[in-house]
Every structure is written in C-alpha cells, then in structure tokens.
PDB file of N, CA and C in Angstrom:
ATOM      1  N   MET A   1    -129.596 -50.778 -82.867  1.00  0.00           N
ATOM      2  CA  MET A   1    -130.760 -50.767 -82.000  1.00  0.00           C
ATOM      3  C   MET A   1    -131.219 -52.190 -81.723  1.00  0.00           C
ATOM      4  N   ALA A   2    -131.786 -52.370 -80.567  1.00  0.00           N
ATOM      5  CA  ALA A   2    -132.309 -53.675 -80.186  1.00  0.00           C
ATOM      6  C   ALA A   2    -133.647 -53.916 -80.872  1.00  0.00           C
ATOM      7  N   ARG A   3    -134.011 -55.160 -80.985  1.00  0.00           N
ATOM      8  CA  ARG A   3    -135.290 -55.529 -81.588  1.00  0.00           C
ATOM      9  C   ARG A   3    -136.415 -55.171 -80.631  1.00  0.00           C
ATOM     10  N   SER A   4    -137.540 -54.749 -81.170  1.00  0.00           N
ATOM     11  CA  SER A   4    -138.690 -54.344 -80.374  1.00  0.00           C
ATOM     12  C   SER A   4    -139.181 -55.510 -79.512  1.00  0.00           C
ATOM     13  N   ILE A   5    -139.566 -55.205 -78.292  1.00  0.00           N
ATOM     14  CA  ILE A   5    -140.033 -56.242 -77.366  1.00  0.00           C
ATOM     15  C   ILE A   5    -141.323 -56.877 -77.865  1.00  0.00           C
ATOM     16  N   LYS A   6    -142.189 -56.091 -78.476  1.00  0.00           N
ATOM     17  CA  LYS A   6    -143.465 -56.648 -78.947  1.00  0.00           C
ATOM     18  C   LYS A   6    -143.263 -57.666 -80.071  1.00  0.00           C
ATOM     19  N   LYS A   7    -142.169 -57.520 -80.841  1.00  0.00           N
ATOM     20  CA  LYS A   7    -141.891 -58.478 -81.903  1.00  0.00           C
ATOM     21  C   LYS A   7    -141.308 -59.773 -81.354  1.00  0.00           C
ATOM     22  N   GLY A   8    -140.587 -59.692 -80.258  1.00  0.00           N
ATOM     23  CA  GLY A   8    -139.959 -60.872 -79.686  1.00  0.00           C
ATOM     24  C   GLY A   8    -138.644 -61.199 -80.374  1.00  0.00           C
ATOM     25  N   PRO A   9    -137.932 -62.207 -79.878  1.00  0.00           N
ATOM     26  CA  PRO A   9    -136.631 -62.558 -80.470  1.00  0.00           C
ATOM     27  C   PRO A   9    -136.807 -63.199 -81.843  1.00  0.00           C
ATOM     28  N   TYR A  10    -135.836 -62.960 -82.723  1.00  0.00           N
ATOM     29  CA  TYR A  10    -135.886 -63.552 -84.052  1.00  0.00           C
ATOM     30  C   TYR A  10    -135.220 -64.922 -84.026  1.00  0.00           C
ATOM     31  N   VAL A  11    -135.987 -65.925 -84.391  1.00  0.00           N
ATOM     32  CA  VAL A  11    -135.459 -67.271 -84.557  1.00  0.00           C
ATOM     33  C   VAL A  11    -135.998 -67.785 -85.884  1.00  0.00           C
ATOM     34  N   ASP A  12    -135.108 -68.260 -86.732  1.00  0.00           N
ATOM     35  CA  ASP A  12    -135.505 -68.747 -88.047  1.00  0.00           C
ATOM     36  C   ASP A  12    -136.486 -69.911 -87.908  1.00  0.00           C
ATOM     37  N   GLU A  13    -137.600 -69.849 -88.656  1.00  0.00           N
ATOM     38  CA  GLU A  13    -138.635 -70.879 -88.550  1.00  0.00           C
ATOM     39  C   GLU A  13    -138.117 -72.250 -88.976  1.00  0.00           C
ATOM     40  N   LYS A  14    -137.282 -72.277 -90.011  1.00  0.00           N
ATOM     41  CA  LYS A  14    -136.736 -73.560 -90.477  1.00  0.00           C
ATOM     42  C   LYS A  14    -135.873 -74.208 -89.394  1.00  0.00           C
ATOM     43  N   LEU A  15    -135.170 -73.374 -88.658  1.00  0.00           N
ATOM     44  CA  LEU A  15    -134.321 -73.878 -87.584  1.00  0.00           C
ATOM     45  C   LEU A  15    -135.172 -74.489 -86.469  1.00  0.00           C
ATOM     46  N   LEU A  16    -136.266 -73.833 -86.138  1.00  0.00           N
ATOM     47  CA  LEU A  16    -137.171 -74.369 -85.117  1.00  0.00           C
ATOM     48  C   LEU A  16    -137.785 -75.692 -85.564  1.00  0.00           C
ATOM     49  N   LYS A  17    -138.102 -75.823 -86.862  1.00  0.00           N
ATOM     50  CA  LYS A  17    -138.656 -77.076 -87.380  1.00  0.00           C
ATOM     51  C   LYS A  17    -137.642 -78.202 -87.279  1.00  0.00           C
ATOM     52  N   LYS A  18    -136.349 -77.871 -87.501  1.00  0.00           N
ATOM     53  CA  LYS A  18    -135.306 -78.895 -87.410  1.00  0.00           C
ATOM     54  C   LYS A  18    -135.150 -79.399 -85.982  1.00  0.00           C
ATOM     55  N   ILE A  19    -135.356 -78.523 -85.006  1.00  0.00           N
ATOM     56  CA  ILE A  19    -135.211 -78.898 -83.594  1.00  0.00           C
ATOM     57  C   ILE A  19    -136.429 -79.658 -83.098  1.00  0.00           C
ATOM     58  N   ASP A  20    -137.606 -79.261 -83.577  1.00  0.00           N
ATOM     59  CA  ASP A  20    -138.873 -79.773 -83.060  1.00  0.00           C
ATOM     60  C   ASP A  20    -138.959 -81.296 -83.143  1.00  0.00           C
ATOM     61  N   GLY A  21    -139.186 -81.921 -82.001  1.00  0.00           N
ATOM     62  CA  GLY A  21    -139.375 -83.357 -81.950  1.00  0.00           C
ATOM     63  C   GLY A  21    -138.098 -84.179 -81.995  1.00  0.00           C
ATOM     64  N   LYS A  22    -136.932 -83.545 -81.928  1.00  0.00           N
ATOM     65  CA  LYS A  22    -135.668 -84.291 -81.944  1.00  0.00           C
ATOM     66  C   LYS A  22    -135.185 -84.534 -80.530  1.00  0.00           C
ATOM     67  N   ASN A  23    -134.539 -85.655 -80.362  1.00  0.00           N
ATOM     68  CA  ASN A  23    -133.949 -86.015 -79.080  1.00  0.00           C
ATOM     69  C   ASN A  23    -132.531 -85.462 -79.034  1.00  0.00           C
ATOM     70  N   LEU A  24    -132.116 -84.953 -77.880  1.00  0.00           N
ATOM     71  CA  LEU A  24    -130.775 -84.379 -77.752  1.00  0.00           C
ATOM     72  C   LEU A  24    -129.681 -85.391 -78.064  1.00  0.00           C
ATOM     73  N   ARG A  25    -129.855 -86.613 -77.655  1.00  0.00           N
ATOM     74  CA  ARG A  25    -128.795 -87.629 -77.786  1.00  0.00           C
ATOM     75  C   ARG A  25    -128.569 -88.055 -79.232  1.00  0.00           C
ATOM     76  N   GLU A  26    -129.626 -88.186 -79.995  1.00  0.00           N
ATOM     77  CA  GLU A  26    -129.470 -88.711 -81.355  1.00  0.00           C
ATOM     78  C   GLU A  26    -129.588 -87.637 -82.443  1.00  0.00           C
ATOM     79  N   ALA A  27    -129.637 -86.368 -82.064  1.00  0.00           N
ATOM     80  CA  ALA A  27    -129.826 -85.296 -83.045  1.00  0.00           C
ATOM     81  C   ALA A  27    -128.580 -85.072 -83.898  1.00  0.00           C
ATOM     82  N   GLY A  28    -127.396 -85.147 -83.309  1.00  0.00           N
ATOM     83  CA  GLY A  28    -126.177 -84.835 -84.064  1.00  0.00           C
ATOM     84  C   GLY A  28    -126.084 -83.339 -84.289  1.00  0.00           C
ATOM     85  N   ALA A  29    -125.244 -82.925 -85.211  1.00  0.00           N
ATOM     86  CA  ALA A  29    -125.084 -81.501 -85.509  1.00  0.00           C
ATOM     87  C   ALA A  29    -126.156 -81.077 -86.511  1.00  0.00           C
ATOM     88  N   ILE A  30    -126.850 -80.001 -86.206  1.00  0.00           N
ATOM     89  CA  ILE A  30    -127.901 -79.475 -87.068  1.00  0.00           C
ATOM     90  C   ILE A  30    -127.295 -78.353 -87.902  1.00  0.00           C
ATOM     91  N   LYS A  31    -127.222 -78.553 -89.222  1.00  0.00           N
ATOM     92  CA  LYS A  31    -126.623 -77.557 -90.109  1.00  0.00           C
ATOM     93  C   LYS A  31    -127.541 -76.362 -90.259  1.00  0.00           C
ATOM     94  N   THR A  32    -126.948 -75.167 -90.211  1.00  0.00           N
ATOM     95  CA  THR A  32    -127.726 -73.956 -90.400  1.00  0.00           C
ATOM     96  C   THR A  32    -126.873 -72.844 -90.996  1.00  0.00           C
ATOM     97  N   TRP A  33    -127.540 -72.001 -91.760  1.00  0.00           N
ATOM     98  CA  TRP A  33    -126.916 -70.807 -92.307  1.00  0.00           C
ATOM     99  C   TRP A  33    -127.489 -69.559 -91.642  1.00  0.00           C
ATOM    100  N   ALA A  34    -128.410 -69.755 -90.686  1.00  0.00           N
ATOM    101  CA  ALA A  34    -129.105 -68.648 -90.019  1.00  0.00           C
ATOM    102  C   ALA A  34    -128.265 -68.125 -88.863  1.00  0.00           C
ATOM    103  N   ARG A  35    -127.226 -67.373 -89.190  1.00  0.00           N
ATOM    104  CA  ARG A  35    -126.325 -66.824 -88.173  1.00  0.00           C
ATOM    105  C   ARG A  35    -127.006 -65.755 -87.326  1.00  0.00           C
ATOM    106  N   ASN A  36    -128.049 -65.107 -87.869  1.00  0.00           N
ATOM    107  CA  ASN A  36    -128.712 -64.018 -87.160  1.00  0.00           C
ATOM    108  C   ASN A  36    -129.812 -64.495 -86.219  1.00  0.00           C
ATOM    109  N   SER A  37    -130.049 -65.785 -86.129  1.00  0.00           N
ATOM    110  CA  SER A  37    -131.071 -66.307 -85.223  1.00  0.00           C
ATOM    111  C   SER A  37    -130.593 -66.231 -83.786  1.00  0.00           C
ATOM    112  N   GLN A  38    -131.501 -65.783 -82.902  1.00  0.00           N
ATOM    113  CA  GLN A  38    -131.163 -65.748 -81.483  1.00  0.00           C
ATOM    114  C   GLN A  38    -131.304 -67.147 -80.896  1.00  0.00           C
ATOM    115  N   ILE A  39    -130.503 -67.428 -79.898  1.00  0.00           N
ATOM    116  CA  ILE A  39    -130.554 -68.723 -79.227  1.00  0.00           C
ATOM    117  C   ILE A  39    -131.663 -68.670 -78.189  1.00  0.00           C
ATOM    118  N   SER A  40    -132.597 -69.599 -78.297  1.00  0.00           N
ATOM    119  CA  SER A  40    -133.720 -69.657 -77.366  1.00  0.00           C
ATOM    120  C   SER A  40    -133.509 -70.816 -76.387  1.00  0.00           C
ATOM    121  N   PRO A  41    -134.254 -70.833 -75.283  1.00  0.00           N
ATOM    122  CA  PRO A  41    -134.074 -71.902 -74.294  1.00  0.00           C
ATOM    123  C   PRO A  41    -134.341 -73.312 -74.836  1.00  0.00           C
ATOM    124  N   GLU A  42    -135.150 -73.426 -75.893  1.00  0.00           N
ATOM    125  CA  GLU A  42    -135.413 -74.756 -76.472  1.00  0.00           C
ATOM    126  C   GLU A  42    -134.179 -75.339 -77.152  1.00  0.00           C
ATOM    127  N   MET A  43    -133.224 -74.490 -77.505  1.00  0.00           N
ATOM    128  CA  MET A  43    -132.033 -74.926 -78.233  1.00  0.00           C
ATOM    129  C   MET A  43    -130.928 -75.442 -77.322  1.00  0.00           C
ATOM    130  N   VAL A  44    -131.053 -75.252 -76.020  1.00  0.00           N
ATOM    131  CA  VAL A  44    -129.995 -75.633 -75.080  1.00  0.00           C
ATOM    132  C   VAL A  44    -129.746 -77.136 -75.162  1.00  0.00           C
ATOM    133  N   GLY A  45    -128.483 -77.501 -75.324  1.00  0.00           N
ATOM    134  CA  GLY A  45    -128.086 -78.906 -75.392  1.00  0.00           C
ATOM    135  C   GLY A  45    -127.849 -79.404 -76.800  1.00  0.00           C
ATOM    136  N   PHE A  46    -128.396 -78.735 -77.792  1.00  0.00           N
ATOM    137  CA  PHE A  46    -128.208 -79.147 -79.178  1.00  0.00           C
ATOM    138  C   PHE A  46    -126.881 -78.638 -79.711  1.00  0.00           C
ATOM    139  N   THR A  47    -126.363 -79.327 -80.710  1.00  0.00           N
ATOM    140  CA  THR A  47    -125.153 -78.890 -81.396  1.00  0.00           C
ATOM    141  C   THR A  47    -125.559 -78.401 -82.776  1.00  0.00           C
ATOM    142  N   PHE A  48    -125.166 -77.174 -83.093  1.00  0.00           N
ATOM    143  CA  PHE A  48    -125.473 -76.587 -84.386  1.00  0.00           C
ATOM    144  C   PHE A  48    -124.184 -76.448 -85.187  1.00  0.00           C
ATOM    145  N   ALA A  49    -124.271 -76.746 -86.475  1.00  0.00           N
ATOM    146  CA  ALA A  49    -123.156 -76.527 -87.389  1.00  0.00           C
ATOM    147  C   ALA A  49    -123.456 -75.213 -88.099  1.00  0.00           C
ATOM    148  N   VAL A  50    -122.871 -74.121 -87.593  1.00  0.00           N
ATOM    149  CA  VAL A  50    -123.154 -72.784 -88.087  1.00  0.00           C
ATOM    150  C   VAL A  50    -122.172 -72.438 -89.205  1.00  0.00           C
ATOM    151  N   HIS A  51    -122.698 -71.993 -90.339  1.00  0.00           N
ATOM    152  CA  HIS A  51    -121.861 -71.677 -91.490  1.00  0.00           C
ATOM    153  C   HIS A  51    -121.153 -70.348 -91.284  1.00  0.00           C
ATOM    154  N   ASN A  52    -119.843 -70.312 -91.541  1.00  0.00           N
ATOM    155  CA  ASN A  52    -119.088 -69.075 -91.349  1.00  0.00           C
ATOM    156  C   ASN A  52    -118.629 -68.461 -92.669  1.00  0.00           C
ATOM    157  N   GLY A  53    -119.205 -68.905 -93.764  1.00  0.00           N
ATOM    158  CA  GLY A  53    -118.836 -68.385 -95.074  1.00  0.00           C
ATOM    159  C   GLY A  53    -118.000 -69.358 -95.864  1.00  0.00           C
ATOM    160  N   ARG A  54    -117.334 -70.260 -95.176  1.00  0.00           N
ATOM    161  CA  ARG A  54    -116.485 -71.242 -95.838  1.00  0.00           C
ATOM    162  C   ARG A  54    -116.814 -72.655 -95.374  1.00  0.00           C
ATOM    163  N   THR A  55    -116.903 -72.849 -94.070  1.00  0.00           N
ATOM    164  CA  THR A  55    -117.183 -74.165 -93.506  1.00  0.00           C
ATOM    165  C   THR A  55    -118.250 -74.035 -92.424  1.00  0.00           C
ATOM    166  N   HIS A  56    -118.668 -75.162 -91.914  1.00  0.00           N
ATOM    167  CA  HIS A  56    -119.603 -75.183 -90.791  1.00  0.00           C
ATOM    168  C   HIS A  56    -118.810 -75.396 -89.506  1.00  0.00           C
ATOM    169  N   THR A  57    -119.062 -74.553 -88.504  1.00  0.00           N
ATOM    170  CA  THR A  57    -118.395 -74.651 -87.216  1.00  0.00           C
ATOM    171  C   THR A  57    -119.382 -75.207 -86.199  1.00  0.00           C
ATOM    172  N   ASN A  58    -118.992 -76.262 -85.496  1.00  0.00           N
ATOM    173  CA  ASN A  58    -119.880 -76.855 -84.495  1.00  0.00           C
ATOM    174  C   ASN A  58    -119.959 -75.974 -83.264  1.00  0.00           C
ATOM    175  N   VAL A  59    -121.199 -75.702 -82.817  1.00  0.00           N
ATOM    176  CA  VAL A  59    -121.454 -74.876 -81.650  1.00  0.00           C
ATOM    177  C   VAL A  59    -122.386 -75.647 -80.730  1.00  0.00           C
ATOM    178  N   LEU A  60    -121.908 -76.001 -79.541  1.00  0.00           N
ATOM    179  CA  LEU A  60    -122.737 -76.660 -78.541  1.00  0.00           C
ATOM    180  C   LEU A  60    -123.400 -75.574 -77.718  1.00  0.00           C
ATOM    181  N   VAL A  61    -124.717 -75.517 -77.733  1.00  0.00           N
ATOM    182  CA  VAL A  61    -125.456 -74.446 -77.069  1.00  0.00           C
ATOM    183  C   VAL A  61    -125.602 -74.766 -75.584  1.00  0.00           C
ATOM    184  N   MET A  62    -125.211 -73.786 -74.744  1.00  0.00           N
ATOM    185  CA  MET A  62    -125.324 -73.908 -73.292  1.00  0.00           C
ATOM    186  C   MET A  62    -126.261 -72.825 -72.777  1.00  0.00           C
ATOM    187  N   GLU A  63    -126.626 -72.917 -71.516  1.00  0.00           N
ATOM    188  CA  GLU A  63    -127.581 -71.972 -70.938  1.00  0.00           C
ATOM    189  C   GLU A  63    -127.084 -70.527 -70.987  1.00  0.00           C
ATOM    190  N   GLU A  64    -125.777 -70.313 -70.844  1.00  0.00           N
ATOM    191  CA  GLU A  64    -125.231 -68.958 -70.844  1.00  0.00           C
ATOM    192  C   GLU A  64    -125.379 -68.283 -72.207  1.00  0.00           C
ATOM    193  N   MET A  65    -125.596 -69.048 -73.269  1.00  0.00           N
ATOM    194  CA  MET A  65    -125.675 -68.509 -74.618  1.00  0.00           C
ATOM    195  C   MET A  65    -127.070 -68.004 -74.982  1.00  0.00           C
ATOM    196  N   VAL A  66    -128.063 -68.273 -74.167  1.00  0.00           N
ATOM    197  CA  VAL A  66    -129.430 -67.876 -74.481  1.00  0.00           C
ATOM    198  C   VAL A  66    -129.501 -66.358 -74.600  1.00  0.00           C
ATOM    199  N   GLY A  67    -130.102 -65.887 -75.691  1.00  0.00           N
ATOM    200  CA  GLY A  67    -130.210 -64.458 -75.946  1.00  0.00           C
ATOM    201  C   GLY A  67    -129.167 -63.948 -76.919  1.00  0.00           C
ATOM    202  N   HIS A  68    -128.092 -64.695 -77.111  1.00  0.00           N
ATOM    203  CA  HIS A  68    -127.063 -64.309 -78.077  1.00  0.00           C
ATOM    204  C   HIS A  68    -127.440 -64.840 -79.458  1.00  0.00           C
ATOM    205  N   ARG A  69    -126.701 -64.448 -80.449  1.00  0.00           N
ATOM    206  CA  ARG A  69    -126.931 -64.917 -81.819  1.00  0.00           C
ATOM    207  C   ARG A  69    -126.002 -66.089 -82.126  1.00  0.00           C
ATOM    208  N   LEU A  70    -126.440 -66.974 -83.017  1.00  0.00           N
ATOM    209  CA  LEU A  70    -125.618 -68.130 -83.380  1.00  0.00           C
ATOM    210  C   LEU A  70    -124.310 -67.700 -84.036  1.00  0.00           C
ATOM    211  N   GLY A  71    -124.338 -66.625 -84.813  1.00  0.00           N
ATOM    212  CA  GLY A  71    -123.153 -66.168 -85.526  1.00  0.00           C
ATOM    213  C   GLY A  71    -122.036 -65.689 -84.620  1.00  0.00           C
ATOM    214  N   GLU A  72    -122.358 -65.339 -83.372  1.00  0.00           N
ATOM    215  CA  GLU A  72    -121.328 -64.869 -82.444  1.00  0.00           C
ATOM    216  C   GLU A  72    -120.328 -65.961 -82.095  1.00  0.00           C
ATOM    217  N   PHE A  73    -120.732 -67.205 -82.223  1.00  0.00           N
ATOM    218  CA  PHE A  73    -119.897 -68.325 -81.804  1.00  0.00           C
ATOM    219  C   PHE A  73    -119.245 -69.041 -82.991  1.00  0.00           C
ATOM    220  N   SER A  74    -119.369 -68.475 -84.172  1.00  0.00           N
ATOM    221  CA  SER A  74    -118.747 -69.019 -85.370  1.00  0.00           C
ATOM    222  C   SER A  74    -118.028 -67.891 -86.099  1.00  0.00           C
ATOM    223  N   PRO A  75    -116.756 -67.630 -85.735  1.00  0.00           N
ATOM    224  CA  PRO A  75    -116.048 -66.487 -86.322  1.00  0.00           C
ATOM    225  C   PRO A  75    -115.850 -66.646 -87.830  1.00  0.00           C
ATOM    226  N   THR A  76    -115.960 -65.517 -88.523  1.00  0.00           N
ATOM    227  CA  THR A  76    -115.835 -65.543 -89.984  1.00  0.00           C
ATOM    228  C   THR A  76    -114.419 -65.258 -90.448  1.00  0.00           C
ATOM    229  N   LYS A  77    -113.602 -64.678 -89.585  1.00  0.00           N
ATOM    230  CA  LYS A  77    -112.229 -64.349 -89.962  1.00  0.00           C
ATOM    231  C   LYS A  77    -111.257 -65.074 -89.047  1.00  0.00           C
ATOM    232  N   THR A  78    -110.169 -65.565 -89.607  1.00  0.00           N
ATOM    233  CA  THR A  78    -109.153 -66.242 -88.807  1.00  0.00           C
ATOM    234  C   THR A  78    -107.994 -65.288 -88.561  1.00  0.00           C
ATOM    235  N   PHE A  79    -107.624 -65.131 -87.309  1.00  0.00           N
ATOM    236  CA  PHE A  79    -106.520 -64.252 -86.953  1.00  0.00           C
ATOM    237  C   PHE A  79    -105.220 -65.012 -87.134  1.00  0.00           C
ATOM    238  N   ARG A  80    -104.358 -64.523 -87.986  1.00  0.00           N
ATOM    239  CA  ARG A  80    -103.059 -65.159 -88.198  1.00  0.00           C
ATOM    240  C   ARG A  80    -102.054 -64.610 -87.187  1.00  0.00           C
ATOM    241  N   ARG A  81    -101.687 -63.361 -87.342  1.00  0.00           N
ATOM    242  CA  ARG A  81    -100.801 -62.669 -86.418  1.00  0.00           C
ATOM    243  C   ARG A  81    -100.648 -61.238 -86.897  1.00  0.00           C
ATOM    244  N   HIS A  82    -100.161 -60.405 -86.010  1.00  0.00           N
ATOM    245  CA  HIS A  82     -99.850 -59.044 -86.393  1.00  0.00           C
ATOM    246  C   HIS A  82     -98.535 -59.068 -87.154  1.00  0.00           C
ATOM    247  N   GLY A  83     -98.411 -58.230 -88.130  1.00  0.00           N
ATOM    248  CA  GLY A  83     -97.202 -58.209 -88.926  1.00  0.00           C
ATOM    249  C   GLY A  83     -96.390 -56.965 -88.654  1.00  0.00           C
ATOM    250  N   GLY A  84     -95.373 -56.778 -89.443  1.00  0.00           N
ATOM    251  CA  GLY A  84     -94.579 -55.571 -89.361  1.00  0.00           C
ATOM    252  C   GLY A  84     -93.299 -55.745 -88.583  1.00  0.00           C
ATOM    253  N   LYS A  85     -92.601 -54.633 -88.426  1.00  0.00           N
ATOM    254  CA  LYS A  85     -91.280 -54.607 -87.811  1.00  0.00           C
ATOM    255  C   LYS A  85     -91.332 -54.996 -86.334  1.00  0.00           C
ATOM    256  N   MET A  86     -92.322 -54.487 -85.612  1.00  0.00           N
ATOM    257  CA  MET A  86     -92.416 -54.792 -84.177  1.00  0.00           C
ATOM    258  C   MET A  86     -92.585 -56.291 -83.937  1.00  0.00           C
ATOM    259  N   GLN A  87     -93.416 -56.935 -84.740  1.00  0.00           N
ATOM    260  CA  GLN A  87     -93.659 -58.360 -84.566  1.00  0.00           C
ATOM    261  C   GLN A  87     -92.385 -59.157 -84.821  1.00  0.00           C
ATOM    262  N   LYS A  88     -91.613 -58.786 -85.823  1.00  0.00           N
ATOM    263  CA  LYS A  88     -90.367 -59.479 -86.120  1.00  0.00           C
ATOM    264  C   LYS A  88     -89.381 -59.339 -84.962  1.00  0.00           C
ATOM    265  N   GLU A  89     -89.325 -58.132 -84.383  1.00  0.00           N
ATOM    266  CA  GLU A  89     -88.431 -57.910 -83.241  1.00  0.00           C
ATOM    267  C   GLU A  89     -88.855 -58.761 -82.042  1.00  0.00           C
ATOM    268  N   LEU A  90     -90.151 -58.838 -81.793  1.00  0.00           N
ATOM    269  CA  LEU A  90     -90.644 -59.650 -80.675  1.00  0.00           C
ATOM    270  C   LEU A  90     -90.322 -61.125 -80.877  1.00  0.00           C
ATOM    271  N   GLU A  91     -90.501 -61.613 -82.095  1.00  0.00           N
ATOM    272  CA  GLU A  91     -90.188 -63.004 -82.392  1.00  0.00           C
ATOM    273  C   GLU A  91     -88.697 -63.276 -82.238  1.00  0.00           C
ATOM    274  N   GLN A  92     -87.863 -62.342 -82.659  1.00  0.00           N
ATOM    275  CA  GLN A  92     -86.416 -62.495 -82.545  1.00  0.00           C
ATOM    276  C   GLN A  92     -86.001 -62.563 -81.079  1.00  0.00           C
ATOM    277  N   ARG A  93     -86.563 -61.671 -80.241  1.00  0.00           N
ATOM    278  CA  ARG A  93     -86.254 -61.691 -78.804  1.00  0.00           C
ATOM    279  C   ARG A  93     -86.689 -62.996 -78.152  1.00  0.00           C
ATOM    280  N   ALA A  94     -87.854 -63.486 -78.545  1.00  0.00           N
ATOM    281  CA  ALA A  94     -88.347 -64.743 -77.978  1.00  0.00           C
ATOM    282  C   ALA A  94     -87.428 -65.902 -78.365  1.00  0.00           C
ATOM    283  N   LYS A  95     -86.958 -65.897 -79.608  1.00  0.00           N
ATOM    284  CA  LYS A  95     -86.060 -66.947 -80.072  1.00  0.00           C
ATOM    285  C   LYS A  95     -84.730 -66.896 -79.319  1.00  0.00           C
ATOM    286  N   GLU A  96     -84.199 -65.669 -79.119  1.00  0.00           N
ATOM    287  CA  GLU A  96     -82.937 -65.511 -78.384  1.00  0.00           C
ATOM    288  C   GLU A  96     -83.087 -65.962 -76.933  1.00  0.00           C
ATOM    289  N   ALA A  97     -84.213 -65.646 -76.311  1.00  0.00           N
ATOM    290  CA  ALA A  97     -84.468 -66.055 -74.931  1.00  0.00           C
ATOM    291  C   ALA A  97     -84.555 -67.579 -74.831  1.00  0.00           C
ATOM    292  N   GLU A  98     -85.139 -68.202 -75.819  1.00  0.00           N
ATOM    293  CA  GLU A  98     -85.243 -69.662 -75.837  1.00  0.00           C
ATOM    294  C   GLU A  98     -83.861 -70.297 -75.969  1.00  0.00           C
ATOM    295  N   ILE A  99     -83.022 -69.719 -76.808  1.00  0.00           N
ATOM    296  CA  ILE A  99     -81.669 -70.250 -77.007  1.00  0.00           C
ATOM    297  C   ILE A  99     -80.847 -70.111 -75.733  1.00  0.00           C
ATOM    298  N   THR A 100     -80.918 -68.945 -75.073  1.00  0.00           N
ATOM    299  CA  THR A 100     -80.164 -68.752 -73.823  1.00  0.00           C
ATOM    300  C   THR A 100     -80.662 -69.679 -72.723  1.00  0.00           C
ATOM    301  N   ALA A 101     -81.952 -69.923 -72.676  1.00  0.00           N
ATOM    302  CA  ALA A 101     -82.506 -70.842 -71.676  1.00  0.00           C
ATOM    303  C   ALA A 101     -82.013 -72.266 -71.934  1.00  0.00           C
ATOM    304  N   ALA A 102     -81.940 -72.655 -73.185  1.00  0.00           N
ATOM    305  CA  ALA A 102     -81.455 -74.002 -73.539  1.00  0.00           C
ATOM    306  C   ALA A 102     -79.977 -74.146 -73.191  1.00  0.00           C
ATOM    307  N   LYS A 103     -79.180 -73.086 -73.450  1.00  0.00           N
ATOM    308  CA  LYS A 103     -77.756 -73.127 -73.104  1.00  0.00           C
ATOM    309  C   LYS A 103     -77.564 -73.225 -71.584  1.00  0.00           C
ATOM    310  N   ALA A 104     -78.371 -72.485 -70.826  1.00  0.00           N
ATOM    311  CA  ALA A 104     -78.278 -72.518 -69.369  1.00  0.00           C
ATOM    312  C   ALA A 104     -78.653 -73.896 -68.842  1.00  0.00           C
ATOM    313  N   ALA A 105     -79.670 -74.495 -69.413  1.00  0.00           N
ATOM    314  CA  ALA A 105     -80.076 -75.838 -68.967  1.00  0.00           C
ATOM    315  C   ALA A 105     -79.001 -76.862 -69.305  1.00  0.00           C
ATOM    316  N   LYS A 106     -78.379 -76.701 -70.449  1.00  0.00           N
ATOM    317  CA  LYS A 106     -77.309 -77.612 -70.855  1.00  0.00           C
ATOM    318  C   LYS A 106     -76.096 -77.482 -69.934  1.00  0.00           C
ATOM    319  N   ALA A 107     -75.748 -76.243 -69.592  1.00  0.00           N
ATOM    320  CA  ALA A 107     -74.615 -75.995 -68.693  1.00  0.00           C
ATOM    321  C   ALA A 107     -74.898 -76.545 -67.307  1.00  0.00           C
ATOM    322  N   ALA A 108     -76.132 -76.403 -66.839  1.00  0.00           N
ATOM    323  CA  ALA A 108     -76.502 -76.923 -65.516  1.00  0.00           C
ATOM    324  C   ALA A 108     -76.446 -78.451 -65.500  1.00  0.00           C
ATOM    325  N   GLY A 109     -76.809 -79.059 -66.624  1.00  0.00           N
ATOM    326  CA  GLY A 109     -76.780 -80.526 -66.731  1.00  0.00           C
ATOM    327  C   GLY A 109     -75.360 -81.066 -66.762  1.00  0.00           C
ATOM    328  N   GLU A 110     -74.409 -80.322 -67.318  1.00  0.00           N
ATOM    329  CA  GLU A 110     -73.008 -80.757 -67.389  1.00  0.00           C
ATOM    330  C   GLU A 110     -72.323 -80.656 -66.039  1.00  0.00           C
ATOM    331  N   LYS A 111     -72.728 -79.684 -65.206  1.00  0.00           N
ATOM    332  CA  LYS A 111     -72.115 -79.509 -63.902  1.00  0.00           C
ATOM    333  C   LYS A 111     -72.447 -80.629 -62.933  1.00  0.00           C
ATOM    334  N   LYS A 112     -73.578 -81.254 -63.107  1.00  0.00           N
ATOM    335  CA  LYS A 112     -73.998 -82.331 -62.196  1.00  0.00           C
ATOM    336  C   LYS A 112     -73.301 -83.589 -62.430  1.00  0.00           C
TER     337      LYS A 112
END
C-alpha cells in the first residue's frame, strides 16, 4: 500500500540535516543507510552513497528520480548468470560461432 497523503513522503530527518546548507559543488558523496527514504526535490543534484548491505553505491540524484526511494538505485544482489545445461549449450554455440567467424576472416585475408 502507498503511504497516506496526509502523512506526506518519508524522508529520514538525519539525511535532510546532512543536505541542509550544503553546496552542490563541494558536498561530495553523502553517506546514508536510509534506503527507504523517498527522494525529494531538494535532493536533486546531490550524490548519495547508499549502503547496499556490503558497500556504499554512489547515486547521483536527477529530476526523474523524485518520488522514488534511494534503495531502488542501489541493488543489493549481484546477478552473475543463469546456470544449468541450457546456459552451457548457449555458451558453447557462441564459442563455436566465434571460431567460425575467425576462420572465415582469416580465409578472406589470405585470398587478398
């Protein structure tokens, strides 16, 4: 469910204090663990270092991000690849296609 309109958007008070009175040019990355804070128009232009559970990910706030949460732009899981038999077959086909392309390029270079 969405947050009640009468309550307004949730923005961590500590985060607002860190922004208050800072210049965009000399602010640098502002570290935060408040992933659930909504991005407000006052935050546009600042760079936040949002914690993802392991490290801080730099997020440059733009106008299109207003209304979203900071955590949306700092993924907590890293996608490696899909596994299994199908993935191995796809990789094998890609490797074979690369080899045939290299052989064709080599043959074309010898003919000239």
